[in-house]
Amino acid sequence: MSLLAHTRVGAGPCTVFLLHGFLGSARNLATLARGLAQRRPDVSIIALDLTGHGESPPLPPRPDVALIARDVLDTARALAPAAPWTLLGHSLGGRVALRAALVAPAALAHLTLLDVTPSPRAPGGEVAPIVKALAEAPDAAPGREAFREWFRQAGLPPAAIDWLLLNVVHDGAVYRWRIDRAALAALYAQIGAEDLWPAVEGRRSYSVHVVRGGKSEYVSDADLRRLEAAGCRVDTIEGAGHFLHVDRPEELLDRIVHGLA
């Protein structure tokens, strides 16, 4: 088994695994990890690069969320044998956490889901144009600024461009993608395909906390009511979009820590 790439912050006896969103990496949640470690010294935070992202092994040609969830659980068992663990996932990472809960419910103590719903969701929203631009981008360029300009011409906002450029590496005289863009596009089509409500509405020993952005459409009011009916805590951060950890980092930390207490 190949472990997923990871970084660790803190040395507490309880383990929280951070799972980033689509096209991201552990680096995207580094500030969140440090803040959580400062506020909860009893916790060890391990941020993973999900399969096919960052420095982790590549995706197979036909990837799905279940495969990534199994890789997360295998890595968690290797890095922190003393389960149960907490999984904290943003977007894709939240879907992976829910799928992991269906695979190994007894291994989990708590799920914190950042702006993600258990409901099936068709591809779309603010990530769709980013995926399209990524698929159409050049394979290589003389420098990061050439890629940046290409994405700027494609109409992407600066934050999205910075996010994508984390996946560009220096290779001799040029810069290339370190990710399999075709495999990731195939994964994108599968992220919201499955109904994951059984992970929330079934009998479970783990608790579930959802934090949604008030400006985001990912977790609807209907989802909120259904989550609360299933005994989940739901917090809304007004003024925040899908990328809560970017828009409202301190408020998000407050909600996460309060939900873990």
Foldseek 3Di string as FASTA:
>chain_A
DFAFDKDKDADALAEEEEAEAALFFLVLCVVVRNLLCVVCNNYMYIYGGFAQHDPGDHADQQDELLVRLVSVVVNCCVPRVPFQHEYEYAHLSLLSVLSNCVVCQVNHAAYEYELAFLAQDAQDDPCVLLLVLVVPFDQKAQDLVVSVVSVVVSPDDPVSSVRNSVQWDDDPRIIGGPGDSSSSVSHSRRSRHDRSCCSQQPDGNHAYEYEYEQPEPNQDPVRVVVNVVSVHHYHYDYPDYSPCCVRPVVVVSVRVVVVVD
